Amino acid sequence: MIAWTAGLVGVLVGIQIDRGDSPPPRIASERPLDVAAPRDDRLPSIDVYDIAAEIGPSVVTISADVESGPRRGGSVGTGIIITDDGEIVTNAHVVEDASAIRVRLAGETEPRPATLIGADPSNDLALLRISGEGYPAVTFADPDSIRIGDEVVAIGFALDLDGAPSVTRGIVSAQGRTISTRNGALDGLLQTDAAISSGNSGGPLVNSLGEVVGINTAVARGSATTAASNISFAISSGTALPVIERLREHDGETERARGFLGVGLEDRTDGGQGTLVTEVQPGSPAAAAGVEVGDVVVAIDDDEITGTLGLVATIRERDPGEEISVTVVRDGERIELTATLDVRPDS
């Protein structure tokens, strides 16, 4: 079984925090995020030096002081400046359980205090804010313009090594990947063969135009029975942008109610696509919709379901009260059912 290092923090350090510094107010920016216009043309070949020089000033080191839990002492990760008035996005796991957060900008020797605006652990994204204006903000790639085979560069503070961030080169290997994490599942991921290491968490995956196509978050590692080489994952701009906007709109609100269907699932073992229903909870939305044990779920609305994690992630992102179409295969026949999601019990 493949082990997913969805963390990439991995670098545990003792961090000294100047408690005398006052962090900025917990207020999200109202400035729009910069998103590139859609395009149909092919991207030019990547110039790693030029891209690193262009994006480097927008990549920051994030240090989190953690006083309890398994990461006691602290963690180091990477962040991306997304507005010129100091909003920064990173992975939620980088700042999880942090009692204080610091950001060090490119070319500076001293860290600045940062405020956590909000975090969404299930999507592994967090929004921070530092005081001041005039910061170099990145441009996000249009999600529909990202293609398999696009050349990309991953930038981040791998292993918390001294000096400037590490830069690695690769391609977009696949889109729409889903992996399991301790918070459930991450979906809509870009797969890349660009090397990503501990400390890269929250850093950008950038195309040849200098646009951020994803936020680096996890790497696959082999086990006793499987091998994993050059398989890393980034949260795509298409997934990240709405989450960031939601965190900005709901200042300080870190979680929201999640959709609930009420089924038990397991992966198919016959080589087919979809996920097998092994249990339907009585009184659940699935039961009301007519889902039965033995059904194979192959689609939710227009979203193709390729496996169990895909269904888990798709339902998790829907809202309670939302009506969805559930396409199942039953005795060789495709059947379309309608379910109205309930509130997830652990929301």
Protein backbone atom coordinates (compact mmCIF):
# COMPACT_ATOMS: atom_id res chain seq x y z
CA MET A 1 0.00 0.00 0.00
CA ILE A 2 1.26 3.47 -0.90
CA ALA A 3 1.98 5.73 2.08
CA TRP A 4 1.03 9.37 1.57
CA THR A 5 3.20 11.91 3.34
CA ALA A 6 0.57 14.62 3.33
CA GLY A 7 2.42 16.88 5.56
CA LEU A 8 5.79 17.38 4.14
CA VAL A 9 6.44 19.44 7.21
CA GLY A 10 8.61 16.74 8.62
CA VAL A 11 11.14 19.33 9.76
CA LEU A 12 10.56 19.70 13.48
CA VAL A 13 12.53 22.47 15.10
CA GLY A 14 12.68 24.55 18.24
CA ILE A 15 11.49 28.05 17.41
CA GLN A 16 12.11 31.16 19.47
CA ILE A 17 9.23 33.63 19.30
CA ASP A 18 9.49 37.30 20.19
CA ARG A 19 6.31 37.65 22.22
CA GLY A 20 6.65 41.43 22.18
CA ASP A 21 5.63 41.71 18.52
CA SER A 22 1.95 42.35 17.92
CA PRO A 23 0.43 40.44 15.00
CA PRO A 24 -1.81 42.28 12.54
CA PRO A 25 -5.59 42.33 13.11
CA ARG A 26 -7.51 39.23 12.11
CA ILE A 27 -9.01 40.82 9.00
CA ALA A 28 -9.08 39.33 5.52
CA SER A 29 -8.18 41.49 2.55
CA GLU A 30 -10.87 42.75 0.18
CA ARG A 31 -8.49 42.94 -2.75
CA PRO A 32 -9.17 40.52 -5.61
CA LEU A 33 -6.90 37.58 -6.21
CA ASP A 34 -4.95 37.70 -9.46
CA VAL A 35 -6.07 34.89 -11.79
CA ALA A 36 -4.77 34.57 -15.35
CA ALA A 37 -7.18 34.71 -18.29
CA PRO A 38 -8.13 31.43 -19.99
CA ARG A 39 -6.01 30.38 -22.94
CA ASP A 40 -5.92 27.63 -25.56
CA ASP A 41 -2.37 28.01 -26.83
CA ARG A 42 0.49 25.75 -25.79
CA LEU A 43 2.85 26.95 -23.11
CA PRO A 44 6.44 27.85 -24.02
CA SER A 45 9.32 25.79 -22.68
CA ILE A 46 10.14 26.62 -19.10
CA ASP A 47 13.17 28.70 -18.14
CA VAL A 48 13.81 27.63 -14.57
CA TYR A 49 16.14 30.51 -13.75
CA ASP A 50 13.68 33.16 -14.95
CA ILE A 51 10.73 31.54 -13.18
CA ALA A 52 12.64 31.22 -9.89
CA ALA A 53 13.72 34.86 -10.13
CA GLU A 54 10.17 35.99 -10.87
CA ILE A 55 8.34 33.94 -8.24
CA GLY A 56 11.05 33.83 -5.55
CA PRO A 57 10.08 37.16 -3.92
CA SER A 58 6.52 35.85 -3.43
CA VAL A 59 7.66 32.66 -1.65
CA VAL A 60 8.05 32.91 2.14
CA THR A 61 9.24 30.76 5.01
CA ILE A 62 6.59 29.97 7.62
CA SER A 63 7.55 29.01 11.17
CA ALA A 64 4.88 27.79 13.58
CA ASP A 65 5.38 27.52 17.34
CA VAL A 66 3.61 24.40 18.62
CA GLU A 67 3.52 23.97 22.39
CA SER A 68 1.64 20.66 22.55
CA GLY A 69 0.88 17.56 20.54
CA PRO A 70 3.10 15.32 18.41
CA ARG A 71 4.76 18.28 16.67
CA ARG A 72 5.68 20.03 19.91
CA GLY A 73 8.51 22.48 19.34
CA GLY A 74 7.40 23.72 15.98
CA SER A 75 7.33 23.21 12.25
CA VAL A 76 8.62 24.93 9.17
CA GLY A 77 6.86 25.18 5.84
CA THR A 78 6.43 27.42 2.84
CA GLY A 79 3.85 30.05 1.94
CA ILE A 80 2.80 32.14 -1.06
CA ILE A 81 1.95 35.86 -1.01
CA ILE A 82 -1.40 36.20 -2.80
CA THR A 83 -2.26 39.90 -2.29
CA ASP A 84 -0.09 43.00 -2.14
CA ASP A 85 -1.46 43.85 1.31
CA GLY A 86 -0.07 40.74 2.98
CA GLU A 87 -2.36 37.75 2.53
CA ILE A 88 -0.45 34.47 2.42
CA VAL A 89 -1.71 30.97 1.66
CA THR A 90 -0.08 27.79 2.96
CA ASN A 91 -1.06 24.27 3.98
CA ALA A 92 -3.26 23.95 7.04
CA HIS A 93 -0.99 21.27 8.48
CA VAL A 94 1.92 23.73 8.53
CA VAL A 95 0.16 25.94 11.11
CA GLU A 96 -1.95 23.29 12.85
CA ASP A 97 -2.13 23.81 16.64
CA ALA A 98 0.20 26.80 16.37
CA SER A 99 0.30 29.25 19.27
CA ALA A 100 2.33 31.71 17.20
CA ILE A 101 3.16 32.00 13.51
CA ARG A 102 6.04 33.84 11.86
CA VAL A 103 6.72 34.64 8.22
CA ARG A 104 10.14 35.48 6.78
CA LEU A 105 10.19 37.20 3.43
CA ALA A 106 12.72 36.65 0.67
CA GLY A 107 15.86 38.69 1.24
CA GLU A 108 15.09 39.36 4.92
CA THR A 109 16.81 37.94 7.97
CA GLU A 110 14.11 38.54 10.59
CA PRO A 111 10.65 36.95 10.68
CA ARG A 112 7.43 38.95 10.93
CA PRO A 113 4.42 38.03 13.08
CA ALA A 114 1.48 36.62 11.15
CA THR A 115 -2.19 36.18 11.99
CA LEU A 116 -4.21 33.12 11.05
CA ILE A 117 -7.31 34.36 9.21
CA GLY A 118 -8.75 30.88 8.82
CA ALA A 119 -7.94 27.27 8.00
CA ASP A 120 -9.70 24.42 6.25
CA PRO A 121 -7.96 21.21 7.37
CA SER A 122 -10.06 18.98 5.12
CA ASN A 123 -8.66 20.83 2.09
CA ASP A 124 -5.28 21.39 3.79
CA LEU A 125 -5.31 25.15 3.21
CA ALA A 126 -4.78 28.07 5.58
CA LEU A 127 -4.90 31.83 5.07
CA LEU A 128 -2.50 34.12 6.94
CA ARG A 129 -2.00 37.89 7.06
CA ILE A 130 1.02 40.08 7.76
CA SER A 131 1.00 43.86 8.23
CA GLY A 132 2.03 46.25 5.49
CA GLU A 133 1.49 46.75 1.77
CA GLY A 134 3.38 46.57 -1.48
CA TYR A 135 4.18 42.86 -1.32
CA PRO A 136 4.79 40.93 -4.59
CA ALA A 137 1.66 38.82 -5.13
CA VAL A 138 1.49 35.79 -7.41
CA THR A 139 -0.88 35.17 -10.29
CA PHE A 140 -2.89 31.94 -10.24
CA ALA A 141 -3.25 29.93 -13.44
CA ASP A 142 -6.71 29.59 -14.93
CA PRO A 143 -7.73 26.06 -13.82
CA ASP A 144 -9.11 25.13 -17.23
CA SER A 145 -5.82 26.04 -18.92
CA ILE A 146 -3.73 23.47 -17.00
CA ARG A 147 -2.77 20.50 -19.18
CA ILE A 148 -1.06 17.18 -18.63
CA GLY A 149 2.52 17.55 -19.81
CA ASP A 150 2.83 21.23 -18.90
CA GLU A 151 6.30 21.92 -17.55
CA VAL A 152 6.28 23.10 -13.93
CA VAL A 153 8.67 24.17 -11.19
CA ALA A 154 8.17 23.48 -7.48
CA ILE A 155 9.57 26.13 -5.15
CA GLY A 156 9.87 25.82 -1.38
CA PHE A 157 12.05 25.51 1.66
CA ALA A 158 12.82 21.81 1.39
CA LEU A 159 14.23 20.33 4.62
CA ASP A 160 14.45 23.88 6.03
CA LEU A 161 17.88 24.24 4.47
CA ASP A 162 19.68 27.54 4.94
CA GLY A 163 19.39 30.20 2.28
CA ALA A 164 17.07 30.62 -0.68
CA PRO A 165 14.26 28.16 -1.48
CA SER A 166 14.90 24.95 -3.41
CA VAL A 167 13.73 24.76 -7.02
CA THR A 168 12.86 21.47 -8.79
CA ARG A 169 11.56 20.86 -12.28
CA GLY A 170 8.99 18.45 -13.70
CA ILE A 171 5.68 18.22 -15.52
CA VAL A 172 2.01 17.96 -14.66
CA SER A 173 1.75 14.15 -14.66
CA ALA A 174 -1.99 13.85 -14.01
CA GLN A 175 -5.01 15.83 -12.85
CA GLY A 176 -7.93 15.10 -10.55
CA ARG A 177 -6.05 12.77 -8.21
CA THR A 178 -7.46 11.86 -4.78
CA ILE A 179 -5.43 10.67 -1.79
CA SER A 180 -6.31 9.79 1.79
CA THR A 181 -5.17 11.91 4.72
CA ARG A 182 -5.78 11.86 8.43
CA ASN A 183 -8.50 14.48 7.84
CA GLY A 184 -10.27 12.32 5.27
CA ALA A 185 -9.28 12.79 1.64
CA LEU A 186 -7.81 15.43 -0.63
CA ASP A 187 -9.21 15.56 -4.14
CA GLY A 188 -8.72 17.63 -7.27
CA LEU A 189 -4.97 17.23 -6.90
CA LEU A 190 -2.34 17.72 -9.56
CA GLN A 191 0.24 14.94 -9.75
CA THR A 192 3.77 15.98 -10.67
CA ASP A 193 7.18 14.38 -10.95
CA ALA A 194 8.87 17.54 -9.68
CA ALA A 195 10.69 16.59 -6.49
CA ILE A 196 8.89 17.74 -3.33
CA SER A 197 10.34 17.22 0.14
CA SER A 198 9.63 18.00 3.77
CA GLY A 199 9.41 21.75 4.18
CA ASN A 200 7.94 22.28 0.69
CA SER A 201 4.43 22.24 2.13
CA GLY A 202 2.44 25.28 1.07
CA GLY A 203 4.86 26.32 -1.67
CA PRO A 204 3.88 26.98 -5.29
CA LEU A 205 3.90 24.71 -8.30
CA VAL A 206 4.45 27.14 -11.17
CA ASN A 207 4.09 26.91 -14.96
CA SER A 208 6.37 28.44 -17.59
CA LEU A 209 4.42 31.72 -17.52
CA GLY A 210 5.08 32.16 -13.82
CA GLU A 211 1.49 31.30 -12.88
CA VAL A 212 0.71 29.20 -9.80
CA VAL A 213 -1.01 26.01 -10.94
CA GLY A 214 -1.01 24.38 -7.51
CA ILE A 215 0.04 24.43 -3.86
CA ASN A 216 2.44 21.62 -2.95
CA THR A 217 1.07 19.34 -0.25
CA ALA A 218 2.03 15.65 -0.37
CA VAL A 219 4.39 13.02 -1.72
CA ALA A 220 3.87 9.28 -2.24
CA ARG A 221 6.29 6.88 -0.62
CA GLY A 222 6.64 3.16 -1.26
CA SER A 223 5.99 0.34 1.18
CA ALA A 224 7.12 -3.25 1.52
CA THR A 225 4.91 -4.28 -1.40
CA THR A 226 4.80 -1.18 -3.61
CA ALA A 227 7.21 1.32 -5.12
CA ALA A 228 6.62 5.03 -5.57
CA SER A 229 8.99 7.21 -7.57
CA ASN A 230 8.60 10.84 -8.63
CA ILE A 231 4.98 11.04 -7.47
CA SER A 232 4.10 14.24 -5.68
CA PHE A 233 0.87 16.19 -5.33
CA ALA A 234 -0.28 19.79 -5.31
CA ILE A 235 -3.69 21.28 -4.55
CA SER A 236 -4.77 22.63 -7.94
CA SER A 237 -5.65 26.28 -8.42
CA GLY A 238 -9.17 25.16 -9.31
CA THR A 239 -9.57 23.62 -5.84
CA ALA A 240 -7.59 26.24 -3.93
CA LEU A 241 -9.20 29.42 -5.24
CA PRO A 242 -12.77 28.82 -3.95
CA VAL A 243 -11.43 27.63 -0.59
CA ILE A 244 -9.30 30.77 -0.24
CA GLU A 245 -12.29 32.95 -1.11
CA ARG A 246 -14.43 31.13 1.44
CA LEU A 247 -11.83 31.70 4.15
CA ARG A 248 -11.69 35.39 3.21
CA GLU A 249 -15.48 35.75 3.32
CA HIS A 250 -15.89 33.94 6.62
CA ASP A 251 -13.12 35.67 8.52
CA GLY A 252 -11.99 33.47 11.40
CA GLU A 253 -14.37 30.62 10.59
CA THR A 254 -12.25 27.52 10.11
CA GLU A 255 -14.84 24.86 9.43
CA ARG A 256 -18.21 24.54 7.74
CA ALA A 257 -20.96 21.94 7.78
CA ARG A 258 -20.23 19.12 5.37
CA GLY A 259 -22.56 17.04 3.26
CA PHE A 260 -23.52 13.51 4.36
CA LEU A 261 -24.86 10.67 2.19
CA GLY A 262 -24.81 7.75 4.64
CA VAL A 263 -23.12 4.84 2.89
CA GLY A 264 -20.34 2.41 3.66
CA LEU A 265 -17.90 1.89 0.79
CA GLU A 266 -15.02 -0.22 -0.39
CA ASP A 267 -12.87 -0.27 -3.49
CA ARG A 268 -13.75 -2.58 -6.33
CA THR A 269 -11.48 -5.58 -6.78
CA ASP A 270 -12.66 -6.61 -10.26
CA GLY A 271 -10.71 -3.91 -12.11
CA GLY A 272 -13.77 -1.76 -12.71
CA GLN A 273 -14.25 1.93 -11.98
CA GLY A 274 -16.40 3.40 -9.23
CA THR A 275 -16.90 2.39 -5.60
CA LEU A 276 -18.92 -0.45 -4.11
CA VAL A 277 -21.67 0.29 -1.56
CA THR A 278 -21.32 -2.11 1.37
CA GLU A 279 -23.72 -0.43 3.79
CA VAL A 280 -26.66 1.98 3.63
CA GLN A 281 -27.45 3.64 6.95
CA PRO A 282 -31.15 3.55 7.86
CA GLY A 283 -32.81 6.94 7.59
CA SER A 284 -29.88 8.40 5.66
CA PRO A 285 -30.11 10.42 2.42
CA ALA A 286 -28.80 7.36 0.57
CA ALA A 287 -31.59 5.18 1.96
CA ALA A 288 -34.22 7.76 1.03
CA ALA A 289 -32.80 7.95 -2.50
CA GLY A 290 -33.00 4.17 -2.97
CA VAL A 291 -29.29 3.34 -2.89
CA GLU A 292 -28.79 -0.37 -2.16
CA VAL A 293 -25.97 -2.53 -0.86
CA GLY A 294 -24.11 -3.91 -3.87
CA ASP A 295 -24.62 -0.80 -6.00
CA VAL A 296 -21.54 0.62 -7.68
CA VAL A 297 -21.48 4.42 -7.58
CA VAL A 298 -19.94 5.74 -10.80
CA ALA A 299 -20.94 9.43 -10.79
CA ILE A 300 -22.20 12.26 -8.61
CA ASP A 301 -23.88 14.85 -10.83
CA ASP A 302 -21.33 15.44 -13.58
CA ASP A 303 -18.37 14.26 -11.48
CA GLU A 304 -17.06 10.86 -12.48
CA ILE A 305 -16.32 8.67 -9.46
CA THR A 306 -13.21 6.58 -10.05
CA GLY A 307 -12.83 5.10 -6.57
CA THR A 308 -13.84 5.25 -2.92
CA LEU A 309 -11.74 8.28 -2.03
CA GLY A 310 -13.24 10.18 -4.94
CA LEU A 311 -16.76 9.71 -3.61
CA VAL A 312 -15.73 10.61 -0.06
CA ALA A 313 -14.09 13.83 -1.23
CA THR A 314 -16.95 14.76 -3.59
CA ILE A 315 -19.64 14.43 -0.92
CA ARG A 316 -17.48 16.21 1.66
CA GLU A 317 -17.35 19.30 -0.56
CA ARG A 318 -21.13 19.48 -0.98
CA ASP A 319 -23.42 21.36 1.39
CA PRO A 320 -26.15 19.91 3.61
CA GLY A 321 -29.51 20.36 1.91
CA GLU A 322 -27.96 20.16 -1.57
CA GLU A 323 -29.74 17.86 -4.01
CA ILE A 324 -27.44 15.60 -5.98
CA SER A 325 -27.77 13.02 -8.72
CA VAL A 326 -26.23 9.66 -7.83
CA THR A 327 -25.51 7.34 -10.75
CA VAL A 328 -25.13 3.69 -9.78
CA VAL A 329 -24.65 0.44 -11.65
CA ARG A 330 -27.00 -2.27 -10.38
CA ASP A 331 -27.10 -5.72 -11.99
CA GLY A 332 -25.39 -4.29 -15.05
CA GLU A 333 -27.87 -1.41 -15.45
CA ARG A 334 -27.06 2.28 -14.92
CA ILE A 335 -29.61 3.92 -12.63
CA GLU A 336 -29.81 7.60 -11.74
CA LEU A 337 -31.04 8.39 -8.23
CA THR A 338 -31.66 11.71 -6.49
CA ALA A 339 -30.51 12.35 -2.92
CA THR A 340 -30.71 15.38 -0.64
CA LEU A 341 -27.63 15.55 1.55
CA ASP A 342 -27.85 15.84 5.33
CA VAL A 343 -25.40 17.34 7.82
CA ARG A 344 -22.34 15.22 8.36
CA PRO A 345 -22.49 13.91 11.98
CA ASP A 346 -18.99 15.12 12.85
CA SER A 347 -19.49 18.64 11.35
